[in-house]
Amino acid sequence: MSKILLAEDDEMMRTFLTASLKRAGHDVQDFEDGETALTALEREVFDLLLTDIVMPGIDGIELARRGAELDPAMKIVFITGFAAVALASGAPTPAGAKILSKPFHLRELVEEVDRVIAA
């Protein structure tokens, strides 16, 4: 069982993703914004950060960057419907971070999470 931090500002999406990952056997803590997610990263160790890129306040790229500084071994997967736009800003992303573009099937999400954690 992997420990996952999920940061997603869309409540319905966050609830749906959390339930799916828990059903797949993962321990998931979910947060509605980057600020509270960062606080959790500062207090606990997670195997994977699963974060939306576009969020108010601390966005997913900044959250991932800070998370990677706190724990370079933590795996990172971005989930977003705006990957090209968000990543075109030139903000550096942590090495090895993966991107899963919305819309995606929950099976794809679980498979990608399992693949990234196993790598």
C-alpha atoms as a PDB file:
ATOM      1  CA  MET A   1       0.000   0.000   0.000  1.00  0.00           C
ATOM      2  CA  SER A   2       1.388   3.373  -1.012  1.00  0.00           C
ATOM      3  CA  LYS A   3       0.873   6.650   0.793  1.00  0.00           C
ATOM      4  CA  ILE A   4      -0.451   9.275  -1.633  1.00  0.00           C
ATOM      5  CA  LEU A   5      -1.036  12.995  -1.196  1.00  0.00           C
ATOM      6  CA  LEU A   6      -3.728  14.239  -3.583  1.00  0.00           C
ATOM      7  CA  ALA A   7      -4.053  17.989  -4.219  1.00  0.00           C
ATOM      8  CA  GLU A   8      -7.096  18.872  -6.330  1.00  0.00           C
ATOM      9  CA  ASP A   9      -9.245  22.004  -6.024  1.00  0.00           C
ATOM     10  CA  ASP A  10     -12.319  20.491  -7.700  1.00  0.00           C
ATOM     11  CA  GLU A  11     -14.236  18.842  -4.852  1.00  0.00           C
ATOM     12  CA  MET A  12     -16.099  16.302  -6.985  1.00  0.00           C
ATOM     13  CA  MET A  13     -12.932  15.259  -8.810  1.00  0.00           C
ATOM     14  CA  ARG A  14     -10.984  15.060  -5.531  1.00  0.00           C
ATOM     15  CA  THR A  15     -13.659  12.877  -3.895  1.00  0.00           C
ATOM     16  CA  PHE A  16     -13.870  10.622  -6.947  1.00  0.00           C
ATOM     17  CA  LEU A  17     -10.076  10.210  -7.254  1.00  0.00           C
ATOM     18  CA  THR A  18      -9.635   9.589  -3.534  1.00  0.00           C
ATOM     19  CA  ALA A  19     -12.299   6.871  -3.498  1.00  0.00           C
ATOM     20  CA  SER A  20     -10.829   5.181  -6.586  1.00  0.00           C
ATOM     21  CA  LEU A  21      -7.290   5.151  -5.253  1.00  0.00           C
ATOM     22  CA  LYS A  22      -8.446   3.858  -1.866  1.00  0.00           C
ATOM     23  CA  ARG A  23     -10.370   1.054  -3.602  1.00  0.00           C
ATOM     24  CA  ALA A  24      -7.117   0.195  -5.407  1.00  0.00           C
ATOM     25  CA  GLY A  25      -5.450  -0.254  -2.006  1.00  0.00           C
ATOM     26  CA  HIS A  26      -3.663   3.051  -1.518  1.00  0.00           C
ATOM     27  CA  ASP A  27      -3.589   5.234   1.594  1.00  0.00           C
ATOM     28  CA  VAL A  28      -4.749   8.648   0.324  1.00  0.00           C
ATOM     29  CA  GLN A  29      -4.811  12.024   2.027  1.00  0.00           C
ATOM     30  CA  ASP A  30      -6.562  14.665  -0.055  1.00  0.00           C
ATOM     31  CA  PHE A  31      -6.359  18.444   0.059  1.00  0.00           C
ATOM     32  CA  GLU A  32      -8.293  21.176  -1.716  1.00  0.00           C
ATOM     33  CA  ASP A  33      -5.384  23.543  -2.281  1.00  0.00           C
ATOM     34  CA  GLY A  34      -1.632  23.774  -2.526  1.00  0.00           C
ATOM     35  CA  GLU A  35      -1.164  25.542   0.781  1.00  0.00           C
ATOM     36  CA  THR A  36      -2.701  22.808   2.945  1.00  0.00           C
ATOM     37  CA  ALA A  37      -1.057  20.115   0.816  1.00  0.00           C
ATOM     38  CA  LEU A  38       2.349  21.749   1.330  1.00  0.00           C
ATOM     39  CA  THR A  39       1.792  21.797   5.089  1.00  0.00           C
ATOM     40  CA  ALA A  40       1.140  18.043   4.966  1.00  0.00           C
ATOM     41  CA  LEU A  41       4.297  17.492   2.886  1.00  0.00           C
ATOM     42  CA  GLU A  42       6.286  19.375   5.514  1.00  0.00           C
ATOM     43  CA  ARG A  43       4.944  17.092   8.286  1.00  0.00           C
ATOM     44  CA  GLU A  44       4.771  13.664   6.639  1.00  0.00           C
ATOM     45  CA  VAL A  45       6.495  11.479   4.077  1.00  0.00           C
ATOM     46  CA  PHE A  46       4.484  10.376   1.041  1.00  0.00           C
ATOM     47  CA  ASP A  47       5.359   7.896  -1.689  1.00  0.00           C
ATOM     48  CA  LEU A  48       3.542   9.942  -4.340  1.00  0.00           C
ATOM     49  CA  LEU A  49       2.279  13.468  -4.861  1.00  0.00           C
ATOM     50  CA  LEU A  50      -0.706  13.481  -7.222  1.00  0.00           C
ATOM     51  CA  THR A  51      -1.562  17.087  -7.985  1.00  0.00           C
ATOM     52  CA  ASP A  52      -3.635  19.179 -10.323  1.00  0.00           C
ATOM     53  CA  ILE A  53      -1.481  21.806 -12.035  1.00  0.00           C
ATOM     54  CA  VAL A  54      -3.976  24.662 -12.135  1.00  0.00           C
ATOM     55  CA  MET A  55      -5.063  25.597  -8.599  1.00  0.00           C
ATOM     56  CA  PRO A  56      -5.490  28.940  -6.857  1.00  0.00           C
ATOM     57  CA  GLY A  57      -2.669  30.040  -4.560  1.00  0.00           C
ATOM     58  CA  ILE A  58       0.205  27.579  -4.719  1.00  0.00           C
ATOM     59  CA  ASP A  59      -0.284  25.780  -8.029  1.00  0.00           C
ATOM     60  CA  GLY A  60       0.637  22.168  -8.652  1.00  0.00           C
ATOM     61  CA  ILE A  61       3.997  22.946 -10.253  1.00  0.00           C
ATOM     62  CA  GLU A  62       5.133  25.011  -7.272  1.00  0.00           C
ATOM     63  CA  LEU A  63       3.759  22.389  -4.875  1.00  0.00           C
ATOM     64  CA  ALA A  64       5.688  19.669  -6.702  1.00  0.00           C
ATOM     65  CA  ARG A  65       8.873  21.745  -6.754  1.00  0.00           C
ATOM     66  CA  ARG A  66       8.695  22.374  -3.012  1.00  0.00           C
ATOM     67  CA  GLY A  67       7.703  18.777  -2.337  1.00  0.00           C
ATOM     68  CA  ALA A  68      10.695  17.500  -4.314  1.00  0.00           C
ATOM     69  CA  GLU A  69      12.981  19.761  -2.271  1.00  0.00           C
ATOM     70  CA  LEU A  70      11.559  18.286   0.952  1.00  0.00           C
ATOM     71  CA  ASP A  71      11.726  14.680  -0.298  1.00  0.00           C
ATOM     72  CA  PRO A  72      13.643  14.035  -3.525  1.00  0.00           C
ATOM     73  CA  ALA A  73      12.563  10.360  -3.473  1.00  0.00           C
ATOM     74  CA  MET A  74       8.838  11.211  -3.633  1.00  0.00           C
ATOM     75  CA  LYS A  75       7.265  10.408  -7.011  1.00  0.00           C
ATOM     76  CA  ILE A  76       5.140  13.087  -8.714  1.00  0.00           C
ATOM     77  CA  VAL A  77       2.219  12.839 -11.125  1.00  0.00           C
ATOM     78  CA  PHE A  78       0.428  15.913 -12.453  1.00  0.00           C
ATOM     79  CA  ILE A  79      -3.249  15.618 -13.393  1.00  0.00           C
ATOM     80  CA  THR A  80      -4.608  18.431 -15.496  1.00  0.00           C
ATOM     81  CA  GLY A  81      -6.810  19.487 -18.342  1.00  0.00           C
ATOM     82  CA  PHE A  82      -4.407  22.322 -19.149  1.00  0.00           C
ATOM     83  CA  ALA A  83      -1.026  20.575 -19.374  1.00  0.00           C
ATOM     84  CA  ALA A  84       0.277  22.404 -22.423  1.00  0.00           C
ATOM     85  CA  VAL A  85      -0.782  25.825 -21.145  1.00  0.00           C
ATOM     86  CA  ALA A  86       0.441  25.274 -17.594  1.00  0.00           C
ATOM     87  CA  LEU A  87       3.783  23.818 -18.587  1.00  0.00           C
ATOM     88  CA  ALA A  88       4.381  26.470 -21.268  1.00  0.00           C
ATOM     89  CA  SER A  89       4.868  29.018 -18.483  1.00  0.00           C
ATOM     90  CA  GLY A  90       8.455  27.827 -18.250  1.00  0.00           C
ATOM     91  CA  ALA A  91       8.244  26.947 -14.565  1.00  0.00           C
ATOM     92  CA  PRO A  92      10.695  24.135 -13.878  1.00  0.00           C
ATOM     93  CA  THR A  93       9.110  20.810 -12.938  1.00  0.00           C
ATOM     94  CA  PRO A  94      10.815  18.158 -10.829  1.00  0.00           C
ATOM     95  CA  ALA A  95      12.785  15.562 -12.776  1.00  0.00           C
ATOM     96  CA  GLY A  96      10.837  12.420 -13.526  1.00  0.00           C
ATOM     97  CA  ALA A  97       7.408  13.987 -12.963  1.00  0.00           C
ATOM     98  CA  LYS A  98       4.654  12.455 -15.090  1.00  0.00           C
ATOM     99  CA  ILE A  99       1.574  14.134 -16.566  1.00  0.00           C
ATOM    100  CA  LEU A 100      -1.862  12.562 -16.896  1.00  0.00           C
ATOM    101  CA  SER A 101      -4.167  14.740 -19.002  1.00  0.00           C
ATOM    102  CA  LYS A 102      -7.875  15.059 -18.245  1.00  0.00           C
ATOM    103  CA  PRO A 103     -10.171  13.548 -19.176  1.00  0.00           C
ATOM    104  CA  PHE A 104      -8.897  10.117 -18.211  1.00  0.00           C
ATOM    105  CA  HIS A 105     -10.496   6.872 -17.159  1.00  0.00           C
ATOM    106  CA  LEU A 106     -10.033   5.937 -13.507  1.00  0.00           C
ATOM    107  CA  ARG A 107      -8.406   2.692 -14.593  1.00  0.00           C
ATOM    108  CA  GLU A 108      -5.766   4.771 -16.412  1.00  0.00           C
ATOM    109  CA  LEU A 109      -5.134   6.801 -13.270  1.00  0.00           C
ATOM    110  CA  VAL A 110      -4.711   3.740 -11.065  1.00  0.00           C
ATOM    111  CA  GLU A 111      -2.450   2.068 -13.645  1.00  0.00           C
ATOM    112  CA  GLU A 112      -0.277   5.183 -13.970  1.00  0.00           C
ATOM    113  CA  VAL A 113      -0.034   5.593 -10.179  1.00  0.00           C
ATOM    114  CA  ASP A 114       0.963   1.940  -9.787  1.00  0.00           C
ATOM    115  CA  ARG A 115       3.494   2.231 -12.643  1.00  0.00           C
ATOM    116  CA  VAL A 116       5.101   5.372 -11.211  1.00  0.00           C
ATOM    117  CA  ILE A 117       5.313   3.963  -7.692  1.00  0.00           C
ATOM    118  CA  ALA A 118       6.839   0.714  -8.962  1.00  0.00           C
ATOM    119  CA  ALA A 119       9.518   2.543 -10.997  1.00  0.00           C
END
